[in-house]
PDB file of N, CA and C in Angstrom:
ATOM      1  N   MET A   1      34.223   6.593 -25.719  1.00  0.00           N
ATOM      2  CA  MET A   1      32.989   5.466 -24.887  1.00  0.00           C
ATOM      3  C   MET A   1      32.693   5.659 -23.762  1.00  0.00           C
ATOM      4  N   ASN A   2      31.604   5.782 -23.533  1.00  0.00           N
ATOM      5  CA  ASN A   2      31.154   5.815 -22.160  1.00  0.00           C
ATOM      6  C   ASN A   2      30.700   4.588 -21.431  1.00  0.00           C
ATOM      7  N   HIS A   3      31.554   4.147 -20.962  1.00  0.00           N
ATOM      8  CA  HIS A   3      31.996   2.811 -20.226  1.00  0.00           C
ATOM      9  C   HIS A   3      31.001   3.013 -18.951  1.00  0.00           C
ATOM     10  N   ARG A   4      30.184   1.914 -18.923  1.00  0.00           N
ATOM     11  CA  ARG A   4      29.080   1.802 -17.369  1.00  0.00           C
ATOM     12  C   ARG A   4      29.160   0.701 -16.471  1.00  0.00           C
ATOM     13  N   ARG A   5      29.441   1.045 -15.179  1.00  0.00           N
ATOM     14  CA  ARG A   5      30.030  -0.577 -14.642  1.00  0.00           C
ATOM     15  C   ARG A   5      28.656  -0.461 -14.020  1.00  0.00           C
ATOM     16  N   VAL A   6      28.300  -1.924 -13.994  1.00  0.00           N
ATOM     17  CA  VAL A   6      27.456  -2.891 -13.541  1.00  0.00           C
ATOM     18  C   VAL A   6      27.844  -3.026 -12.206  1.00  0.00           C
ATOM     19  N   SER A   7      26.957  -3.672 -11.064  1.00  0.00           N
ATOM     20  CA  SER A   7      26.816  -3.429 -10.590  1.00  0.00           C
ATOM     21  C   SER A   7      26.839  -5.636 -10.246  1.00  0.00           C
ATOM     22  N   PRO A   8      27.535  -5.215  -8.699  1.00  0.00           N
ATOM     23  CA  PRO A   8      27.573  -7.384  -8.643  1.00  0.00           C
ATOM     24  C   PRO A   8      25.954  -6.995  -8.210  1.00  0.00           C
ATOM     25  N   ASP A   9      25.487  -6.747  -7.908  1.00  0.00           N
ATOM     26  CA  ASP A   9      23.981  -6.846  -7.448  1.00  0.00           C
ATOM     27  C   ASP A   9      23.040  -7.423  -8.592  1.00  0.00           C
ATOM     28  N   ALA A  10      23.354  -6.329  -9.860  1.00  0.00           N
ATOM     29  CA  ALA A  10      22.516  -6.195 -11.104  1.00  0.00           C
ATOM     30  C   ALA A  10      22.973  -7.305 -11.529  1.00  0.00           C
ATOM     31  N   LEU A  11      24.218  -7.539 -11.693  1.00  0.00           N
ATOM     32  CA  LEU A  11      25.661  -8.646 -12.902  1.00  0.00           C
ATOM     33  C   LEU A  11      25.205  -9.973 -12.032  1.00  0.00           C
ATOM     34  N   ARG A  12      24.440 -10.489 -10.628  1.00  0.00           N
ATOM     35  CA  ARG A  12      24.133 -11.414 -10.145  1.00  0.00           C
ATOM     36  C   ARG A  12      22.550 -11.608 -10.598  1.00  0.00           C
ATOM     37  N   ALA A  13      21.423 -10.631 -10.805  1.00  0.00           N
ATOM     38  CA  ALA A  13      20.357 -10.709 -11.657  1.00  0.00           C
ATOM     39  C   ALA A  13      20.225 -11.072 -12.542  1.00  0.00           C
ATOM     40  N   MET A  14      21.282 -10.611 -13.661  1.00  0.00           N
ATOM     41  CA  MET A  14      21.213 -10.604 -15.046  1.00  0.00           C
ATOM     42  C   MET A  14      21.402 -11.563 -15.470  1.00  0.00           C
ATOM     43  N   THR A  15      22.652 -12.953 -14.293  1.00  0.00           N
ATOM     44  CA  THR A  15      22.565 -13.622 -14.879  1.00  0.00           C
ATOM     45  C   THR A  15      22.260 -15.202 -13.977  1.00  0.00           C
ATOM     46  N   LEU A  16      21.186 -14.655 -13.527  1.00  0.00           N
ATOM     47  CA  LEU A  16      20.657 -15.716 -12.370  1.00  0.00           C
ATOM     48  C   LEU A  16      19.784 -16.693 -13.020  1.00  0.00           C
ATOM     49  N   ASP A  17      20.029 -18.236 -12.865  1.00  0.00           N
ATOM     50  CA  ASP A  17      19.420 -19.536 -13.401  1.00  0.00           C
ATOM     51  C   ASP A  17      17.967 -18.970 -13.235  1.00  0.00           C
ATOM     52  N   THR A  18      16.966 -18.863 -14.025  1.00  0.00           N
ATOM     53  CA  THR A  18      15.663 -18.021 -14.089  1.00  0.00           C
ATOM     54  C   THR A  18      14.684 -20.238 -13.671  1.00  0.00           C
ATOM     55  N   GLN A  19      15.389 -20.543 -14.160  1.00  0.00           N
ATOM     56  CA  GLN A  19      14.652 -22.458 -14.106  1.00  0.00           C
ATOM     57  C   GLN A  19      13.905 -22.583 -12.799  1.00  0.00           C
ATOM     58  N   PRO A  20      12.663 -23.428 -12.735  1.00  0.00           N
ATOM     59  CA  PRO A  20      12.008 -23.522 -14.117  1.00  0.00           C
ATOM     60  C   PRO A  20      11.189 -20.859 -14.011  1.00  0.00           C
ATOM     61  N   TRP A  21      10.924 -22.079 -15.223  1.00  0.00           N
ATOM     62  CA  TRP A  21      10.684 -20.550 -15.557  1.00  0.00           C
ATOM     63  C   TRP A  21       9.372 -20.123 -15.218  1.00  0.00           C
ATOM     64  N   LEU A  22       8.941 -18.917 -15.145  1.00  0.00           N
ATOM     65  CA  LEU A  22       7.618 -18.768 -14.936  1.00  0.00           C
ATOM     66  C   LEU A  22       7.659 -16.822 -15.684  1.00  0.00           C
ATOM     67  N   SER A  23       6.720 -16.912 -16.854  1.00  0.00           N
ATOM     68  CA  SER A  23       5.963 -15.244 -16.547  1.00  0.00           C
ATOM     69  C   SER A  23       5.793 -14.809 -15.903  1.00  0.00           C
ATOM     70  N   CYS A  24       5.754 -13.188 -16.161  1.00  0.00           N
ATOM     71  CA  CYS A  24       5.249 -12.359 -15.683  1.00  0.00           C
ATOM     72  C   CYS A  24       3.660 -12.309 -15.230  1.00  0.00           C
ATOM     73  N   ASP A  25       2.789 -12.983 -16.055  1.00  0.00           N
ATOM     74  CA  ASP A  25       1.388 -12.844 -15.878  1.00  0.00           C
ATOM     75  C   ASP A  25       1.276 -14.163 -15.271  1.00  0.00           C
ATOM     76  N   GLU A  26       2.268 -15.329 -15.342  1.00  0.00           N
ATOM     77  CA  GLU A  26       1.502 -16.465 -14.729  1.00  0.00           C
ATOM     78  C   GLU A  26       1.685 -15.885 -13.352  1.00  0.00           C
ATOM     79  N   CYS A  27       3.068 -15.788 -13.275  1.00  0.00           N
ATOM     80  CA  CYS A  27       3.327 -15.002 -11.532  1.00  0.00           C
ATOM     81  C   CYS A  27       1.956 -14.170 -10.656  1.00  0.00           C
ATOM     82  N   PHE A  28       1.608 -13.245 -12.147  1.00  0.00           N
ATOM     83  CA  PHE A  28       0.220 -12.905 -11.192  1.00  0.00           C
ATOM     84  C   PHE A  28      -0.938 -13.230 -11.265  1.00  0.00           C
ATOM     85  N   ASP A  29      -1.035 -13.996 -11.971  1.00  0.00           N
ATOM     86  CA  ASP A  29      -2.026 -14.783 -12.168  1.00  0.00           C
ATOM     87  C   ASP A  29      -1.645 -16.327 -10.200  1.00  0.00           C
ATOM     88  N   ARG A  30      -1.214 -16.270  -9.902  1.00  0.00           N
ATOM     89  CA  ARG A  30      -0.856 -16.767  -8.845  1.00  0.00           C
ATOM     90  C   ARG A  30      -0.033 -16.126  -7.932  1.00  0.00           C
ATOM     91  N   MET A  31      -0.592 -15.200  -7.761  1.00  0.00           N
ATOM     92  CA  MET A  31       0.300 -14.480  -6.630  1.00  0.00           C
ATOM     93  C   MET A  31      -0.110 -14.688  -5.285  1.00  0.00           C
ATOM     94  N   ASP A  32      -2.058 -14.584  -6.096  1.00  0.00           N
ATOM     95  CA  ASP A  32      -2.497 -14.226  -4.483  1.00  0.00           C
ATOM     96  C   ASP A  32      -2.451 -15.257  -3.674  1.00  0.00           C
ATOM     97  N   ALA A  33      -3.032 -16.682  -4.142  1.00  0.00           N
ATOM     98  CA  ALA A  33      -2.885 -18.147  -3.795  1.00  0.00           C
ATOM     99  C   ALA A  33      -1.352 -17.727  -3.037  1.00  0.00           C
ATOM    100  N   TYR A  34      -0.375 -17.887  -3.434  1.00  0.00           N
ATOM    101  CA  TYR A  34       1.075 -17.587  -3.166  1.00  0.00           C
ATOM    102  C   TYR A  34       1.146 -16.650  -1.473  1.00  0.00           C
ATOM    103  N   VAL A  35       0.775 -15.654  -2.062  1.00  0.00           N
ATOM    104  CA  VAL A  35       0.654 -14.580  -0.421  1.00  0.00           C
ATOM    105  C   VAL A  35       0.068 -15.261   0.870  1.00  0.00           C
ATOM    106  N   GLU A  36      -1.131 -15.705  -0.036  1.00  0.00           N
ATOM    107  CA  GLU A  36      -2.159 -16.446   1.160  1.00  0.00           C
ATOM    108  C   GLU A  36      -1.582 -17.676   1.558  1.00  0.00           C
ATOM    109  N   ARG A  37      -0.612 -18.543   1.042  1.00  0.00           N
ATOM    110  CA  ARG A  37      -0.160 -19.601   1.731  1.00  0.00           C
ATOM    111  C   ARG A  37       1.042 -19.238   2.062  1.00  0.00           C
ATOM    112  N   LEU A  38       2.253 -18.302   2.293  1.00  0.00           N
ATOM    113  CA  LEU A  38       2.980 -17.686   2.879  1.00  0.00           C
ATOM    114  C   LEU A  38       2.681 -17.179   4.500  1.00  0.00           C
ATOM    115  N   LEU A  39       1.726 -16.445   4.541  1.00  0.00           N
ATOM    116  CA  LEU A  39       1.283 -15.957   5.120  1.00  0.00           C
ATOM    117  C   LEU A  39       0.491 -17.286   6.271  1.00  0.00           C
ATOM    118  N   ALA A  40       0.029 -18.187   5.623  1.00  0.00           N
ATOM    119  CA  ALA A  40      -0.486 -19.527   6.586  1.00  0.00           C
ATOM    120  C   ALA A  40       0.706 -20.061   6.937  1.00  0.00           C
ATOM    121  N   ASP A  41       1.504 -20.342   5.768  1.00  0.00           N
ATOM    122  CA  ASP A  41       2.667 -21.167   6.170  1.00  0.00           C
ATOM    123  C   ASP A  41       4.434 -20.228   5.612  1.00  0.00           C
ATOM    124  N   PRO A  42       4.796 -20.039   6.891  1.00  0.00           N
ATOM    125  CA  PRO A  42       6.206 -18.932   6.244  1.00  0.00           C
ATOM    126  C   PRO A  42       6.928 -19.656   5.870  1.00  0.00           C
ATOM    127  N   ASP A  43       6.976 -20.924   6.377  1.00  0.00           N
ATOM    128  CA  ASP A  43       7.868 -21.999   5.425  1.00  0.00           C
ATOM    129  C   ASP A  43       7.583 -22.796   4.215  1.00  0.00           C
ATOM    130  N   HIS A  44       6.564 -22.355   3.635  1.00  0.00           N
ATOM    131  CA  HIS A  44       5.922 -22.469   1.932  1.00  0.00           C
ATOM    132  C   HIS A  44       6.860 -22.438   1.471  1.00  0.00           C
ATOM    133  N   THR A  45       7.044 -23.596   0.131  1.00  0.00           N
ATOM    134  CA  THR A  45       7.616 -23.711  -0.912  1.00  0.00           C
ATOM    135  C   THR A  45       7.055 -23.689  -2.102  1.00  0.00           C
ATOM    136  N   ASP A  46       7.298 -22.531  -2.850  1.00  0.00           N
ATOM    137  CA  ASP A  46       6.696 -22.585  -4.588  1.00  0.00           C
ATOM    138  C   ASP A  46       7.739 -22.059  -4.960  1.00  0.00           C
ATOM    139  N   VAL A  47       9.042 -23.533  -5.806  1.00  0.00           N
ATOM    140  CA  VAL A  47      10.170 -22.788  -6.423  1.00  0.00           C
ATOM    141  C   VAL A  47       9.707 -21.734  -7.974  1.00  0.00           C
ATOM    142  N   PRO A  48       9.179 -22.094  -8.517  1.00  0.00           N
ATOM    143  CA  PRO A  48       8.816 -21.380  -9.365  1.00  0.00           C
ATOM    144  C   PRO A  48       8.714 -20.025  -9.382  1.00  0.00           C
ATOM    145  N   MET A  49       7.851 -19.545  -7.709  1.00  0.00           N
ATOM    146  CA  MET A  49       7.324 -18.145  -7.999  1.00  0.00           C
ATOM    147  C   MET A  49       8.348 -18.246  -7.275  1.00  0.00           C
ATOM    148  N   ALA A  50       9.009 -18.646  -6.363  1.00  0.00           N
ATOM    149  CA  ALA A  50      10.183 -17.934  -5.314  1.00  0.00           C
ATOM    150  C   ALA A  50      11.357 -17.700  -6.477  1.00  0.00           C
ATOM    151  N   THR A  51      11.724 -18.477  -7.623  1.00  0.00           N
ATOM    152  CA  THR A  51      12.744 -18.223  -9.080  1.00  0.00           C
ATOM    153  C   THR A  51      12.245 -16.658  -9.509  1.00  0.00           C
ATOM    154  N   HIS A  52      11.182 -17.069  -9.749  1.00  0.00           N
ATOM    155  CA  HIS A  52      10.311 -15.748 -10.514  1.00  0.00           C
ATOM    156  C   HIS A  52      10.687 -14.054  -9.823  1.00  0.00           C
ATOM    157  N   LEU A  53      10.188 -14.398  -7.939  1.00  0.00           N
ATOM    158  CA  LEU A  53      10.449 -12.964  -7.376  1.00  0.00           C
ATOM    159  C   LEU A  53      11.826 -12.633  -7.630  1.00  0.00           C
ATOM    160  N   ASN A  54      12.615 -13.533  -7.490  1.00  0.00           N
ATOM    161  CA  ASN A  54      13.982 -13.257  -6.358  1.00  0.00           C
ATOM    162  C   ASN A  54      14.590 -12.634  -8.811  1.00  0.00           C
ATOM    163  N   ALA A  55      14.067 -13.065  -9.726  1.00  0.00           N
ATOM    164  CA  ALA A  55      14.826 -12.017 -10.814  1.00  0.00           C
ATOM    165  C   ALA A  55      13.989 -11.113 -11.176  1.00  0.00           C
ATOM    166  N   CYS A  56      12.726 -10.445 -10.765  1.00  0.00           N
ATOM    167  CA  CYS A  56      11.630  -9.526 -11.621  1.00  0.00           C
ATOM    168  C   CYS A  56      11.714  -8.519 -10.041  1.00  0.00           C
ATOM    169  N   THR A  57      12.089  -7.895 -10.394  1.00  0.00           N
ATOM    170  CA  THR A  57      12.192  -6.416  -9.375  1.00  0.00           C
ATOM    171  C   THR A  57      10.452  -5.863  -9.205  1.00  0.00           C
ATOM    172  N   ALA A  58       9.631  -5.917 -10.430  1.00  0.00           N
ATOM    173  CA  ALA A  58       8.577  -5.751 -10.559  1.00  0.00           C
ATOM    174  C   ALA A  58       7.343  -6.294  -9.780  1.00  0.00           C
ATOM    175  N   CYS A  59       7.829  -7.652 -10.466  1.00  0.00           N
ATOM    176  CA  CYS A  59       6.721  -8.405  -9.197  1.00  0.00           C
ATOM    177  C   CYS A  59       7.000  -8.805  -8.145  1.00  0.00           C
ATOM    178  N   ALA A  60       8.467  -8.968  -7.828  1.00  0.00           N
ATOM    179  CA  ALA A  60       8.759  -8.624  -6.100  1.00  0.00           C
ATOM    180  C   ALA A  60       7.908  -7.433  -5.584  1.00  0.00           C
ATOM    181  N   GLU A  61       8.331  -6.582  -5.794  1.00  0.00           N
ATOM    182  CA  GLU A  61       7.918  -5.736  -5.308  1.00  0.00           C
ATOM    183  C   GLU A  61       6.239  -5.507  -4.902  1.00  0.00           C
ATOM    184  N   GLU A  62       5.192  -6.237  -6.732  1.00  0.00           N
ATOM    185  CA  GLU A  62       4.006  -6.634  -6.154  1.00  0.00           C
ATOM    186  C   GLU A  62       3.710  -7.639  -5.273  1.00  0.00           C
ATOM    187  N   ALA A  63       4.601  -8.733  -5.049  1.00  0.00           N
ATOM    188  CA  ALA A  63       3.657  -9.573  -4.071  1.00  0.00           C
ATOM    189  C   ALA A  63       4.012  -9.041  -2.308  1.00  0.00           C
ATOM    190  N   ASP A  64       5.244  -7.822  -2.764  1.00  0.00           N
ATOM    191  CA  ASP A  64       5.247  -7.006  -1.248  1.00  0.00           C
ATOM    192  C   ASP A  64       4.663  -6.447  -0.652  1.00  0.00           C
ATOM    193  N   SER A  65       4.023  -6.042  -1.605  1.00  0.00           N
ATOM    194  CA  SER A  65       2.783  -4.979  -1.717  1.00  0.00           C
ATOM    195  C   SER A  65       1.470  -5.950  -1.033  1.00  0.00           C
ATOM    196  N   LEU A  66       1.095  -6.537  -2.307  1.00  0.00           N
ATOM    197  CA  LEU A  66       0.103  -7.439  -1.589  1.00  0.00           C
ATOM    198  C   LEU A  66       0.090  -7.631   0.260  1.00  0.00           C
ATOM    199  N   MET A  67       1.355  -8.669   0.163  1.00  0.00           N
ATOM    200  CA  MET A  67       1.954  -8.920   1.526  1.00  0.00           C
ATOM    201  C   MET A  67       1.454  -8.193   2.804  1.00  0.00           C
ATOM    202  N   ALA A  68       2.184  -7.094   2.521  1.00  0.00           N
ATOM    203  CA  ALA A  68       1.667  -6.080   3.994  1.00  0.00           C
ATOM    204  C   ALA A  68       0.173  -5.872   3.471  1.00  0.00           C
ATOM    205  N   LEU A  69      -0.354  -5.837   2.571  1.00  0.00           N
ATOM    206  CA  LEU A  69      -1.496  -5.064   2.403  1.00  0.00           C
ATOM    207  C   LEU A  69      -2.345  -6.226   3.307  1.00  0.00           C
ATOM    208  N   VAL A  70      -2.800  -7.467   2.729  1.00  0.00           N
ATOM    209  CA  VAL A  70      -2.952  -8.475   3.892  1.00  0.00           C
ATOM    210  C   VAL A  70      -2.772  -8.695   5.134  1.00  0.00           C
ATOM    211  N   ARG A  71      -1.506  -8.765   5.159  1.00  0.00           N
ATOM    212  CA  ARG A  71      -1.377  -7.670   6.932  1.00  0.00           C
ATOM    213  C   ARG A  71      -1.943  -7.157   7.504  1.00  0.00           C
ATOM    214  N   LEU A  72      -1.980  -6.222   6.878  1.00  0.00           N
ATOM    215  CA  LEU A  72      -3.164  -4.942   7.473  1.00  0.00           C
ATOM    216  C   LEU A  72      -4.520  -5.542   7.534  1.00  0.00           C
ATOM    217  N   ASP A  73      -5.289  -6.394   6.834  1.00  0.00           N
ATOM    218  CA  ASP A  73      -6.408  -6.180   6.757  1.00  0.00           C
ATOM    219  C   ASP A  73      -7.214  -7.470   8.112  1.00  0.00           C
ATOM    220  N   PRO A  74      -7.986  -6.307   8.883  1.00  0.00           N
ATOM    221  CA  PRO A  74      -8.252  -7.551   9.521  1.00  0.00           C
ATOM    222  C   PRO A  74      -9.433  -8.735   9.745  1.00  0.00           C
TER     223      PRO A  74
END
């Protein structure tokens, strides 16, 4: 039997409390507004979005890419 070790970061991500729950579809639907609000106010808080982005690498990468793209747009 091949046993693989789970990294501390992976373990944290798997056991992260994801409440309040937000699906990837809901996250994607809200992403443009979320990024715009963050750019306008870096202290903006959206708990469901932040919780989802902390737990979902795919959505977090999409948000980071959108943030970078919007910052470059004059």
